[in-house]
PDB file of N, CA and C in Angstrom:
ATOM      1  N   MET A   1      10.011  22.486  10.763  1.00  0.00           N
ATOM      2  CA  MET A   1       8.891  21.575  10.870  1.00  0.00           C
ATOM      3  C   MET A   1       8.640  21.299  12.344  1.00  0.00           C
ATOM      4  N   GLU A   2       7.382  21.322  12.694  1.00  0.00           N
ATOM      5  CA  GLU A   2       6.981  21.005  14.060  1.00  0.00           C
ATOM      6  C   GLU A   2       6.880  19.494  14.230  1.00  0.00           C
ATOM      7  N   ALA A   3       6.989  19.038  15.465  1.00  0.00           N
ATOM      8  CA  ALA A   3       6.919  17.605  15.751  1.00  0.00           C
ATOM      9  C   ALA A   3       5.597  17.001  15.274  1.00  0.00           C
ATOM     10  N   ALA A   4       4.495  17.730  15.426  1.00  0.00           N
ATOM     11  CA  ALA A   4       3.182  17.194  15.010  1.00  0.00           C
ATOM     12  C   ALA A   4       3.147  16.943  13.504  1.00  0.00           C
ATOM     13  N   ALA A   5       3.705  17.846  12.725  1.00  0.00           N
ATOM     14  CA  ALA A   5       3.738  17.666  11.271  1.00  0.00           C
ATOM     15  C   ALA A   5       4.644  16.493  10.898  1.00  0.00           C
ATOM     16  N   ALA A   6       5.765  16.349  11.615  1.00  0.00           N
ATOM     17  CA  ALA A   6       6.661  15.222  11.361  1.00  0.00           C
ATOM     18  C   ALA A   6       5.950  13.909  11.664  1.00  0.00           C
ATOM     19  N   LEU A   7       5.203  13.885  12.751  1.00  0.00           N
ATOM     20  CA  LEU A   7       4.460  12.669  13.098  1.00  0.00           C
ATOM     21  C   LEU A   7       3.401  12.344  12.052  1.00  0.00           C
ATOM     22  N   ASP A   8       2.727  13.362  11.531  1.00  0.00           N
ATOM     23  CA  ASP A   8       1.741  13.140  10.465  1.00  0.00           C
ATOM     24  C   ASP A   8       2.411  12.529   9.230  1.00  0.00           C
ATOM     25  N   SER A   9       3.557  13.075   8.866  1.00  0.00           N
ATOM     26  CA  SER A   9       4.278  12.568   7.692  1.00  0.00           C
ATOM     27  C   SER A   9       4.747  11.136   7.915  1.00  0.00           C
ATOM     28  N   LEU A  10       5.329  10.891   9.058  1.00  0.00           N
ATOM     29  CA  LEU A  10       5.832   9.551   9.348  1.00  0.00           C
ATOM     30  C   LEU A  10       4.691   8.539   9.421  1.00  0.00           C
ATOM     31  N   SER A  11       3.586   8.956  10.007  1.00  0.00           N
ATOM     32  CA  SER A  11       2.421   8.074  10.091  1.00  0.00           C
ATOM     33  C   SER A  11       1.894   7.747   8.691  1.00  0.00           C
ATOM     34  N   ALA A  12       1.864   8.760   7.826  1.00  0.00           N
ATOM     35  CA  ALA A  12       1.381   8.550   6.466  1.00  0.00           C
ATOM     36  C   ALA A  12       2.287   7.582   5.703  1.00  0.00           C
ATOM     37  N   LEU A  13       3.565   7.618   5.983  1.00  0.00           N
ATOM     38  CA  LEU A  13       4.518   6.769   5.283  1.00  0.00           C
ATOM     39  C   LEU A  13       4.665   5.385   5.926  1.00  0.00           C
ATOM     40  N   ALA A  14       3.998   5.179   7.043  1.00  0.00           N
ATOM     41  CA  ALA A  14       4.160   3.941   7.809  1.00  0.00           C
ATOM     42  C   ALA A  14       3.256   2.817   7.318  1.00  0.00           C
ATOM     43  N   HIS A  15       3.018   2.774   6.034  1.00  0.00           N
ATOM     44  CA  HIS A  15       2.239   1.695   5.435  1.00  0.00           C
ATOM     45  C   HIS A  15       2.914   1.347   4.107  1.00  0.00           C
ATOM     46  N   PRO A  16       3.091   0.071   3.813  1.00  0.00           N
ATOM     47  CA  PRO A  16       3.825  -0.302   2.597  1.00  0.00           C
ATOM     48  C   PRO A  16       3.269   0.298   1.305  1.00  0.00           C
ATOM     49  N   THR A  17       1.958   0.346   1.168  1.00  0.00           N
ATOM     50  CA  THR A  17       1.366   0.903  -0.056  1.00  0.00           C
ATOM     51  C   THR A  17       1.676   2.384  -0.187  1.00  0.00           C
ATOM     52  N   ARG A  18       1.527   3.114   0.906  1.00  0.00           N
ATOM     53  CA  ARG A  18       1.777   4.561   0.856  1.00  0.00           C
ATOM     54  C   ARG A  18       3.258   4.868   0.674  1.00  0.00           C
ATOM     55  N   LEU A  19       4.111   4.126   1.355  1.00  0.00           N
ATOM     56  CA  LEU A  19       5.544   4.335   1.202  1.00  0.00           C
ATOM     57  C   LEU A  19       5.970   4.061  -0.227  1.00  0.00           C
ATOM     58  N   ASP A  20       5.485   2.977  -0.796  1.00  0.00           N
ATOM     59  CA  ASP A  20       5.820   2.637  -2.181  1.00  0.00           C
ATOM     60  C   ASP A  20       5.322   3.715  -3.142  1.00  0.00           C
ATOM     61  N   ALA A  21       4.101   4.178  -2.952  1.00  0.00           N
ATOM     62  CA  ALA A  21       3.549   5.214  -3.836  1.00  0.00           C
ATOM     63  C   ALA A  21       4.346   6.507  -3.720  1.00  0.00           C
ATOM     64  N   PHE A  22       4.695   6.885  -2.508  1.00  0.00           N
ATOM     65  CA  PHE A  22       5.453   8.124  -2.320  1.00  0.00           C
ATOM     66  C   PHE A  22       6.836   8.005  -2.960  1.00  0.00           C
ATOM     67  N   ARG A  23       7.503   6.896  -2.744  1.00  0.00           N
ATOM     68  CA  ARG A  23       8.823   6.706  -3.347  1.00  0.00           C
ATOM     69  C   ARG A  23       8.724   6.713  -4.875  1.00  0.00           C
ATOM     70  N   ARG A  24       7.678   6.110  -5.402  1.00  0.00           N
ATOM     71  CA  ARG A  24       7.453   6.105  -6.850  1.00  0.00           C
ATOM     72  C   ARG A  24       7.269   7.546  -7.352  1.00  0.00           C
ATOM     73  N   LEU A  25       6.521   8.351  -6.605  1.00  0.00           N
ATOM     74  CA  LEU A  25       6.304   9.745  -6.993  1.00  0.00           C
ATOM     75  C   LEU A  25       7.586  10.566  -6.904  1.00  0.00           C
ATOM     76  N   VAL A  26       8.394  10.317  -5.891  1.00  0.00           N
ATOM     77  CA  VAL A  26       9.674  11.026  -5.778  1.00  0.00           C
ATOM     78  C   VAL A  26      10.537  10.723  -6.999  1.00  0.00           C
ATOM     79  N   ARG A  27      10.557   9.463  -7.411  1.00  0.00           N
ATOM     80  CA  ARG A  27      11.350   9.076  -8.587  1.00  0.00           C
ATOM     81  C   ARG A  27      10.797   9.686  -9.874  1.00  0.00           C
ATOM     82  N   SER A  28       9.521  10.002  -9.900  1.00  0.00           N
ATOM     83  CA  SER A  28       8.907  10.516 -11.124  1.00  0.00           C
ATOM     84  C   SER A  28       8.951  12.032 -11.231  1.00  0.00           C
ATOM     85  N   GLU A  29       9.529  12.691 -10.242  1.00  0.00           N
ATOM     86  CA  GLU A  29       9.610  14.147 -10.315  1.00  0.00           C
ATOM     87  C   GLU A  29      10.489  14.564 -11.485  1.00  0.00           C
ATOM     88  N   PRO A  30      10.174  15.666 -12.153  1.00  0.00           N
ATOM     89  CA  PRO A  30       9.159  16.661 -11.831  1.00  0.00           C
ATOM     90  C   PRO A  30       7.806  16.435 -12.492  1.00  0.00           C
ATOM     91  N   ASP A  31       7.671  15.358 -13.240  1.00  0.00           N
ATOM     92  CA  ASP A  31       6.439  15.165 -14.013  1.00  0.00           C
ATOM     93  C   ASP A  31       5.269  14.621 -13.203  1.00  0.00           C
ATOM     94  N   GLY A  32       5.546  13.821 -12.188  1.00  0.00           N
ATOM     95  CA  GLY A  32       4.473  13.185 -11.436  1.00  0.00           C
ATOM     96  C   GLY A  32       3.890  12.013 -12.204  1.00  0.00           C
ATOM     97  N   LEU A  33       2.871  11.413 -11.619  1.00  0.00           N
ATOM     98  CA  LEU A  33       2.185  10.273 -12.235  1.00  0.00           C
ATOM     99  C   LEU A  33       0.692  10.474 -12.109  1.00  0.00           C
ATOM    100  N   SER A  34      -0.039   9.925 -13.051  1.00  0.00           N
ATOM    101  CA  SER A  34      -1.494  10.000 -12.946  1.00  0.00           C
ATOM    102  C   SER A  34      -1.945   9.059 -11.828  1.00  0.00           C
ATOM    103  N   THR A  35      -3.107   9.343 -11.301  1.00  0.00           N
ATOM    104  CA  THR A  35      -3.668   8.470 -10.279  1.00  0.00           C
ATOM    105  C   THR A  35      -3.821   7.063 -10.830  1.00  0.00           C
ATOM    106  N   GLY A  36      -4.240   6.942 -12.084  1.00  0.00           N
ATOM    107  CA  GLY A  36      -4.385   5.638 -12.712  1.00  0.00           C
ATOM    108  C   GLY A  36      -3.076   4.857 -12.765  1.00  0.00           C
ATOM    109  N   GLN A  37      -1.974   5.538 -13.058  1.00  0.00           N
ATOM    110  CA  GLN A  37      -0.679   4.877 -13.084  1.00  0.00           C
ATOM    111  C   GLN A  37      -0.307   4.358 -11.698  1.00  0.00           C
ATOM    112  N   LEU A  38      -0.599   5.145 -10.687  1.00  0.00           N
ATOM    113  CA  LEU A  38      -0.304   4.726  -9.318  1.00  0.00           C
ATOM    114  C   LEU A  38      -1.171   3.546  -8.897  1.00  0.00           C
ATOM    115  N   VAL A  39      -2.446   3.596  -9.283  1.00  0.00           N
ATOM    116  CA  VAL A  39      -3.357   2.485  -8.958  1.00  0.00           C
ATOM    117  C   VAL A  39      -2.851   1.213  -9.628  1.00  0.00           C
ATOM    118  N   GLU A  40      -2.497   1.316 -10.899  1.00  0.00           N
ATOM    119  CA  GLU A  40      -2.016   0.150 -11.636  1.00  0.00           C
ATOM    120  C   GLU A  40      -0.763  -0.437 -10.992  1.00  0.00           C
ATOM    121  N   ALA A  41       0.151   0.408 -10.572  1.00  0.00           N
ATOM    122  CA  ALA A  41       1.389  -0.062  -9.944  1.00  0.00           C
ATOM    123  C   ALA A  41       1.135  -0.713  -8.591  1.00  0.00           C
ATOM    124  N   SER A  42       0.053  -0.302  -7.925  1.00  0.00           N
ATOM    125  CA  SER A  42      -0.228  -0.812  -6.578  1.00  0.00           C
ATOM    126  C   SER A  42      -0.947  -2.153  -6.587  1.00  0.00           C
ATOM    127  N   SER A  43      -1.592  -2.494  -7.666  1.00  0.00           N
ATOM    128  CA  SER A  43      -2.417  -3.713  -7.765  1.00  0.00           C
ATOM    129  C   SER A  43      -3.599  -3.697  -6.800  1.00  0.00           C
ATOM    130  N   LEU A  44      -4.020  -2.517  -6.385  1.00  0.00           N
ATOM    131  CA  LEU A  44      -5.188  -2.362  -5.522  1.00  0.00           C
ATOM    132  C   LEU A  44      -6.351  -1.825  -6.343  1.00  0.00           C
ATOM    133  N   SER A  45      -7.543  -1.882  -5.773  1.00  0.00           N
ATOM    134  CA  SER A  45      -8.682  -1.255  -6.439  1.00  0.00           C
ATOM    135  C   SER A  45      -8.529   0.262  -6.357  1.00  0.00           C
ATOM    136  N   GLN A  46      -9.213   0.947  -7.260  1.00  0.00           N
ATOM    137  CA  GLN A  46      -9.169   2.412  -7.276  1.00  0.00           C
ATOM    138  C   GLN A  46      -9.586   2.988  -5.930  1.00  0.00           C
ATOM    139  N   SER A  47     -10.671   2.472  -5.349  1.00  0.00           N
ATOM    140  CA  SER A  47     -11.180   3.031  -4.091  1.00  0.00           C
ATOM    141  C   SER A  47     -10.226   2.780  -2.930  1.00  0.00           C
ATOM    142  N   THR A  48      -9.632   1.609  -2.876  1.00  0.00           N
ATOM    143  CA  THR A  48      -8.686   1.315  -1.794  1.00  0.00           C
ATOM    144  C   THR A  48      -7.455   2.194  -1.921  1.00  0.00           C
ATOM    145  N   PHE A  49      -6.932   2.297  -3.144  1.00  0.00           N
ATOM    146  CA  PHE A  49      -5.751   3.131  -3.334  1.00  0.00           C
ATOM    147  C   PHE A  49      -6.061   4.593  -3.036  1.00  0.00           C
ATOM    148  N   SER A  50      -7.244   5.054  -3.424  1.00  0.00           N
ATOM    149  CA  SER A  50      -7.618   6.450  -3.169  1.00  0.00           C
ATOM    150  C   SER A  50      -7.607   6.777  -1.687  1.00  0.00           C
ATOM    151  N   SER A  51      -7.971   5.816  -0.858  1.00  0.00           N
ATOM    152  CA  SER A  51      -7.918   6.025   0.597  1.00  0.00           C
ATOM    153  C   SER A  51      -6.477   6.253   1.049  1.00  0.00           C
ATOM    154  N   HIS A  52      -5.565   5.470   0.511  1.00  0.00           N
ATOM    155  CA  HIS A  52      -4.150   5.649   0.847  1.00  0.00           C
ATOM    156  C   HIS A  52      -3.634   6.984   0.329  1.00  0.00           C
ATOM    157  N   LEU A  53      -4.022   7.322  -0.881  1.00  0.00           N
ATOM    158  CA  LEU A  53      -3.577   8.579  -1.476  1.00  0.00           C
ATOM    159  C   LEU A  53      -4.078   9.770  -0.663  1.00  0.00           C
ATOM    160  N   ALA A  54      -5.302   9.694  -0.182  1.00  0.00           N
ATOM    161  CA  ALA A  54      -5.867  10.781   0.628  1.00  0.00           C
ATOM    162  C   ALA A  54      -5.047  11.012   1.893  1.00  0.00           C
ATOM    163  N   ILE A  55      -4.514   9.962   2.461  1.00  0.00           N
ATOM    164  CA  ILE A  55      -3.683  10.103   3.662  1.00  0.00           C
ATOM    165  C   ILE A  55      -2.380  10.828   3.317  1.00  0.00           C
ATOM    166  N   LEU A  56      -1.773  10.482   2.196  1.00  0.00           N
ATOM    167  CA  LEU A  56      -0.550  11.164   1.766  1.00  0.00           C
ATOM    168  C   LEU A  56      -0.805  12.634   1.454  1.00  0.00           C
ATOM    169  N   VAL A  57      -1.930  12.910   0.812  1.00  0.00           N
ATOM    170  CA  VAL A  57      -2.289  14.297   0.502  1.00  0.00           C
ATOM    171  C   VAL A  57      -2.558  15.054   1.800  1.00  0.00           C
ATOM    172  N   GLY A  58      -3.293  14.436   2.723  1.00  0.00           N
ATOM    173  CA  GLY A  58      -3.609  15.071   4.000  1.00  0.00           C
ATOM    174  C   GLY A  58      -2.377  15.405   4.825  1.00  0.00           C
ATOM    175  N   ALA A  59      -1.341  14.588   4.691  1.00  0.00           N
ATOM    176  CA  ALA A  59      -0.089  14.832   5.413  1.00  0.00           C
ATOM    177  C   ALA A  59       0.789  15.852   4.688  1.00  0.00           C
ATOM    178  N   GLY A  60       0.363  16.281   3.510  1.00  0.00           N
ATOM    179  CA  GLY A  60       1.124  17.270   2.759  1.00  0.00           C
ATOM    180  C   GLY A  60       2.292  16.696   1.974  1.00  0.00           C
ATOM    181  N   LEU A  61       2.341  15.386   1.840  1.00  0.00           N
ATOM    182  CA  LEU A  61       3.447  14.751   1.121  1.00  0.00           C
ATOM    183  C   LEU A  61       3.201  14.634  -0.376  1.00  0.00           C
ATOM    184  N   VAL A  62       1.935  14.668  -0.775  1.00  0.00           N
ATOM    185  CA  VAL A  62       1.567  14.546  -2.184  1.00  0.00           C
ATOM    186  C   VAL A  62       0.659  15.711  -2.550  1.00  0.00           C
ATOM    187  N   MET A  63       0.897  16.254  -3.740  1.00  0.00           N
ATOM    188  CA  MET A  63       0.108  17.382  -4.233  1.00  0.00           C
ATOM    189  C   MET A  63      -0.581  16.976  -5.527  1.00  0.00           C
ATOM    190  N   PRO A  64      -1.915  16.879  -5.516  1.00  0.00           N
ATOM    191  CA  PRO A  64      -2.633  16.551  -6.751  1.00  0.00           C
ATOM    192  C   PRO A  64      -2.778  17.796  -7.632  1.00  0.00           C
ATOM    193  N   GLU A  65      -2.647  17.598  -8.939  1.00  0.00           N
ATOM    194  CA  GLU A  65      -2.821  18.684  -9.908  1.00  0.00           C
ATOM    195  C   GLU A  65      -3.722  18.177 -11.018  1.00  0.00           C
ATOM    196  N   LYS A  66      -4.716  18.967 -11.358  1.00  0.00           N
ATOM    197  CA  LYS A  66      -5.624  18.586 -12.437  1.00  0.00           C
ATOM    198  C   LYS A  66      -5.001  18.983 -13.768  1.00  0.00           C
ATOM    199  N   HIS A  67      -4.904  17.999 -14.677  1.00  0.00           N
ATOM    200  CA  HIS A  67      -4.406  18.224 -16.039  1.00  0.00           C
ATOM    201  C   HIS A  67      -5.452  17.653 -16.981  1.00  0.00           C
ATOM    202  N   GLY A  68      -6.290  18.520 -17.496  1.00  0.00           N
ATOM    203  CA  GLY A  68      -7.384  18.051 -18.341  1.00  0.00           C
ATOM    204  C   GLY A  68      -8.321  17.189 -17.530  1.00  0.00           C
ATOM    205  N   ARG A  69      -8.505  15.951 -17.972  1.00  0.00           N
ATOM    206  CA  ARG A  69      -9.390  15.033 -17.250  1.00  0.00           C
ATOM    207  C   ARG A  69      -8.645  14.144 -16.271  1.00  0.00           C
ATOM    208  N   GLN A  70      -7.327  14.286 -16.225  1.00  0.00           N
ATOM    209  CA  GLN A  70      -6.518  13.448 -15.337  1.00  0.00           C
ATOM    210  C   GLN A  70      -6.072  14.215 -14.104  1.00  0.00           C
ATOM    211  N   MET A  71      -5.917  13.465 -13.023  1.00  0.00           N
ATOM    212  CA  MET A  71      -5.300  14.009 -11.822  1.00  0.00           C
ATOM    213  C   MET A  71      -3.861  13.500 -11.805  1.00  0.00           C
ATOM    214  N   ILE A  72      -2.934  14.434 -11.791  1.00  0.00           N
ATOM    215  CA  ILE A  72      -1.522  14.097 -11.705  1.00  0.00           C
ATOM    216  C   ILE A  72      -1.102  14.286 -10.255  1.00  0.00           C
ATOM    217  N   GLN A  73      -0.488  13.266  -9.717  1.00  0.00           N
ATOM    218  CA  GLN A  73      -0.013  13.307  -8.337  1.00  0.00           C
ATOM    219  C   GLN A  73       1.484  13.598  -8.360  1.00  0.00           C
ATOM    220  N   ARG A  74       1.899  14.526  -7.510  1.00  0.00           N
ATOM    221  CA  ARG A  74       3.315  14.887  -7.440  1.00  0.00           C
ATOM    222  C   ARG A  74       3.773  14.841  -5.996  1.00  0.00           C
ATOM    223  N   ALA A  75       4.984  14.364  -5.809  1.00  0.00           N
ATOM    224  CA  ALA A  75       5.581  14.365  -4.477  1.00  0.00           C
ATOM    225  C   ALA A  75       5.885  15.797  -4.083  1.00  0.00           C
ATOM    226  N   ASN A  76       5.597  16.130  -2.847  1.00  0.00           N
ATOM    227  CA  ASN A  76       5.942  17.446  -2.319  1.00  0.00           C
ATOM    228  C   ASN A  76       7.379  17.347  -1.808  1.00  0.00           C
ATOM    229  N   ILE A  77       8.319  17.692  -2.675  1.00  0.00           N
ATOM    230  CA  ILE A  77       9.740  17.557  -2.355  1.00  0.00           C
ATOM    231  C   ILE A  77      10.119  18.473  -1.191  1.00  0.00           C
ATOM    232  N   GLU A  78       9.492  19.616  -1.101  1.00  0.00           N
ATOM    233  CA  GLU A  78       9.783  20.522   0.025  1.00  0.00           C
ATOM    234  C   GLU A  78       9.381  19.872   1.350  1.00  0.00           C
ATOM    235  N   ALA A  79       8.245  19.190   1.371  1.00  0.00           N
ATOM    236  CA  ALA A  79       7.806  18.505   2.594  1.00  0.00           C
ATOM    237  C   ALA A  79       8.774  17.373   2.936  1.00  0.00           C
ATOM    238  N   LEU A  80       9.243  16.656   1.921  1.00  0.00           N
ATOM    239  CA  LEU A  80      10.224  15.596   2.155  1.00  0.00           C
ATOM    240  C   LEU A  80      11.510  16.179   2.727  1.00  0.00           C
ATOM    241  N   ARG A  81      11.970  17.272   2.147  1.00  0.00           N
ATOM    242  CA  ARG A  81      13.186  17.936   2.617  1.00  0.00           C
ATOM    243  C   ARG A  81      13.009  18.388   4.064  1.00  0.00           C
ATOM    244  N   ASP A  82      11.856  18.984   4.377  1.00  0.00           N
ATOM    245  CA  ASP A  82      11.596  19.433   5.745  1.00  0.00           C
ATOM    246  C   ASP A  82      11.614  18.266   6.723  1.00  0.00           C
ATOM    247  N   LEU A  83      11.013  17.138   6.332  1.00  0.00           N
ATOM    248  CA  LEU A  83      11.003  15.964   7.202  1.00  0.00           C
ATOM    249  C   LEU A  83      12.420  15.437   7.408  1.00  0.00           C
ATOM    250  N   MET A  84      13.179  15.359   6.345  1.00  0.00           N
ATOM    251  CA  MET A  84      14.557  14.872   6.468  1.00  0.00           C
ATOM    252  C   MET A  84      15.387  15.793   7.356  1.00  0.00           C
ATOM    253  N   LEU A  85      15.213  17.090   7.188  1.00  0.00           N
ATOM    254  CA  LEU A  85      15.951  18.038   8.028  1.00  0.00           C
ATOM    255  C   LEU A  85      15.512  17.942   9.487  1.00  0.00           C
ATOM    256  N   PHE A  86      14.214  17.772   9.707  1.00  0.00           N
ATOM    257  CA  PHE A  86      13.705  17.620  11.068  1.00  0.00           C
ATOM    258  C   PHE A  86      14.352  16.400  11.733  1.00  0.00           C
ATOM    259  N   LEU A  87      14.432  15.293  10.990  1.00  0.00           N
ATOM    260  CA  LEU A  87      14.998  14.073  11.549  1.00  0.00           C
ATOM    261  C   LEU A  87      16.505  14.179  11.771  1.00  0.00           C
ATOM    262  N   ALA A  88      17.192  14.914  10.906  1.00  0.00           N
ATOM    263  CA  ALA A  88      18.648  14.987  10.991  1.00  0.00           C
ATOM    264  C   ALA A  88      19.160  16.221  11.719  1.00  0.00           C
ATOM    265  N   LYS A  89      18.279  17.131  12.078  1.00  0.00           N
ATOM    266  CA  LYS A  89      18.711  18.409  12.649  1.00  0.00           C
ATOM    267  C   LYS A  89      19.612  18.240  13.864  1.00  0.00           C
ATOM    268  N   ASP A  90      19.267  17.346  14.719  1.00  0.00           N
ATOM    269  CA  ASP A  90      20.066  17.132  15.924  1.00  0.00           C
ATOM    270  C   ASP A  90      21.002  15.939  15.763  1.00  0.00           C
ATOM    271  N   CYS A  91      21.283  15.626  14.510  1.00  0.00           N
ATOM    272  CA  CYS A  91      22.101  14.453  14.191  1.00  0.00           C
ATOM    273  C   CYS A  91      23.407  14.461  14.976  1.00  0.00           C
ATOM    274  N   CYS A  92      23.562  13.435  15.746  1.00  0.00           N
ATOM    275  CA  CYS A  92      24.823  13.206  16.449  1.00  0.00           C
ATOM    276  C   CYS A  92      25.228  14.395  17.305  1.00  0.00           C
ATOM    277  N   GLU A  93      24.247  15.079  17.874  1.00  0.00           N
ATOM    278  CA  GLU A  93      24.464  16.213  18.775  1.00  0.00           C
ATOM    279  C   GLU A  93      25.372  17.278  18.176  1.00  0.00           C
ATOM    280  N   GLY A  94      25.113  17.615  16.933  1.00  0.00           N
ATOM    281  CA  GLY A  94      25.850  18.687  16.284  1.00  0.00           C
ATOM    282  C   GLY A  94      27.185  18.270  15.691  1.00  0.00           C
ATOM    283  N   ARG A  95      27.525  17.018  15.747  1.00  0.00           N
ATOM    284  CA  ARG A  95      28.783  16.535  15.177  1.00  0.00           C
ATOM    285  C   ARG A  95      28.507  16.082  13.747  1.00  0.00           C
ATOM    286  N   ALA A  96      28.537  17.043  12.855  1.00  0.00           N
ATOM    287  CA  ALA A  96      28.147  16.821  11.460  1.00  0.00           C
ATOM    288  C   ALA A  96      28.956  15.722  10.786  1.00  0.00           C
ATOM    289  N   GLU A  97      30.205  15.546  11.195  1.00  0.00           N
ATOM    290  CA  GLU A  97      31.037  14.524  10.554  1.00  0.00           C
ATOM    291  C   GLU A  97      30.463  13.121  10.734  1.00  0.00           C
ATOM    292  N   LEU A  98      29.676  12.913  11.778  1.00  0.00           N
ATOM    293  CA  LEU A  98      29.061  11.610  11.994  1.00  0.00           C
ATOM    294  C   LEU A  98      27.909  11.362  11.030  1.00  0.00           C
ATOM    295  N   CYS A  99      27.380  12.427  10.433  1.00  0.00           N
ATOM    296  CA  CYS A  99      26.296  12.297   9.459  1.00  0.00           C
ATOM    297  C   CYS A  99      26.822  12.226   8.029  1.00  0.00           C
ATOM    298  N   GLU A 100      28.127  12.377   7.835  1.00  0.00           N
ATOM    299  CA  GLU A 100      28.689  12.360   6.482  1.00  0.00           C
ATOM    300  C   GLU A 100      28.354  11.093   5.699  1.00  0.00           C
ATOM    301  N   PRO A 101      28.342   9.898   6.322  1.00  0.00           N
ATOM    302  CA  PRO A 101      27.960   8.721   5.522  1.00  0.00           C
ATOM    303  C   PRO A 101      26.541   8.848   4.941  1.00  0.00           C
ATOM    304  N   LEU A 102      25.634   9.450   5.682  1.00  0.00           N
ATOM    305  CA  LEU A 102      24.278   9.678   5.180  1.00  0.00           C
ATOM    306  C   LEU A 102      24.310  10.622   3.992  1.00  0.00           C
ATOM    307  N   LEU A 103      25.056  11.689   4.116  1.00  0.00           N
ATOM    308  CA  LEU A 103      25.150  12.664   3.030  1.00  0.00           C
ATOM    309  C   LEU A 103      25.792  12.048   1.794  1.00  0.00           C
ATOM    310  N   ALA A 104      26.759  11.177   1.997  1.00  0.00           N
ATOM    311  CA  ALA A 104      27.404  10.510   0.863  1.00  0.00           C
ATOM    312  C   ALA A 104      26.416   9.616   0.131  1.00  0.00           C
ATOM    313  N   GLU A 105      25.520   8.975   0.856  1.00  0.00           N
ATOM    314  CA  GLU A 105      24.498   8.136   0.237  1.00  0.00           C
ATOM    315  C   GLU A 105      23.514   8.963  -0.576  1.00  0.00           C
ATOM    316  N   LEU A 106      23.228  10.169  -0.106  1.00  0.00           N
ATOM    317  CA  LEU A 106      22.258  11.035  -0.776  1.00  0.00           C
ATOM    318  C   LEU A 106      22.841  11.792  -1.953  1.00  0.00           C
ATOM    319  N   SER A 107      24.140  11.990  -1.971  1.00  0.00           N
ATOM    320  CA  SER A 107      24.747  12.870  -2.976  1.00  0.00           C
ATOM    321  C   SER A 107      24.476  12.479  -4.424  1.00  0.00           C
ATOM    322  N   PRO A 108      24.381  11.199  -4.791  1.00  0.00           N
ATOM    323  CA  PRO A 108      24.094  10.921  -6.202  1.00  0.00           C
ATOM    324  C   PRO A 108      22.724  11.443  -6.661  1.00  0.00           C
ATOM    325  N   CYS A 109      21.759  11.502  -5.747  1.00  0.00           N
ATOM    326  CA  CYS A 109      20.421  11.930  -6.170  1.00  0.00           C
ATOM    327  C   CYS A 109      20.144  13.386  -5.852  1.00  0.00           C
ATOM    328  N   CYS A 110      20.771  13.913  -4.832  1.00  0.00           N
ATOM    329  CA  CYS A 110      20.404  15.262  -4.362  1.00  0.00           C
ATOM    330  C   CYS A 110      21.557  16.197  -4.530  1.00  0.00           C
TER     331      CYS A 110
END
């Protein structure tokens, strides 16, 4: 991942509504959630939430899929993995043992 893409992702996640929606989508993998479900969970209007969703899609963190008349939103797990690796790549100047507590926290889910 290039620094510019990492900045786009971090910028997209730097808002409480977008961060909450993305985390909700990560938890809902592999099925995703409908846009309506996300709007309902956010307590925002459809148009306001759609603006936030567009930022997540533009950053490549969310992938919309059409299923009949519904749009299903899915977290782009590969993009999340790339961002996490970008952030941790130089972790502790190559001393991987210093990153072990982070890996231990992630192990139940990943």
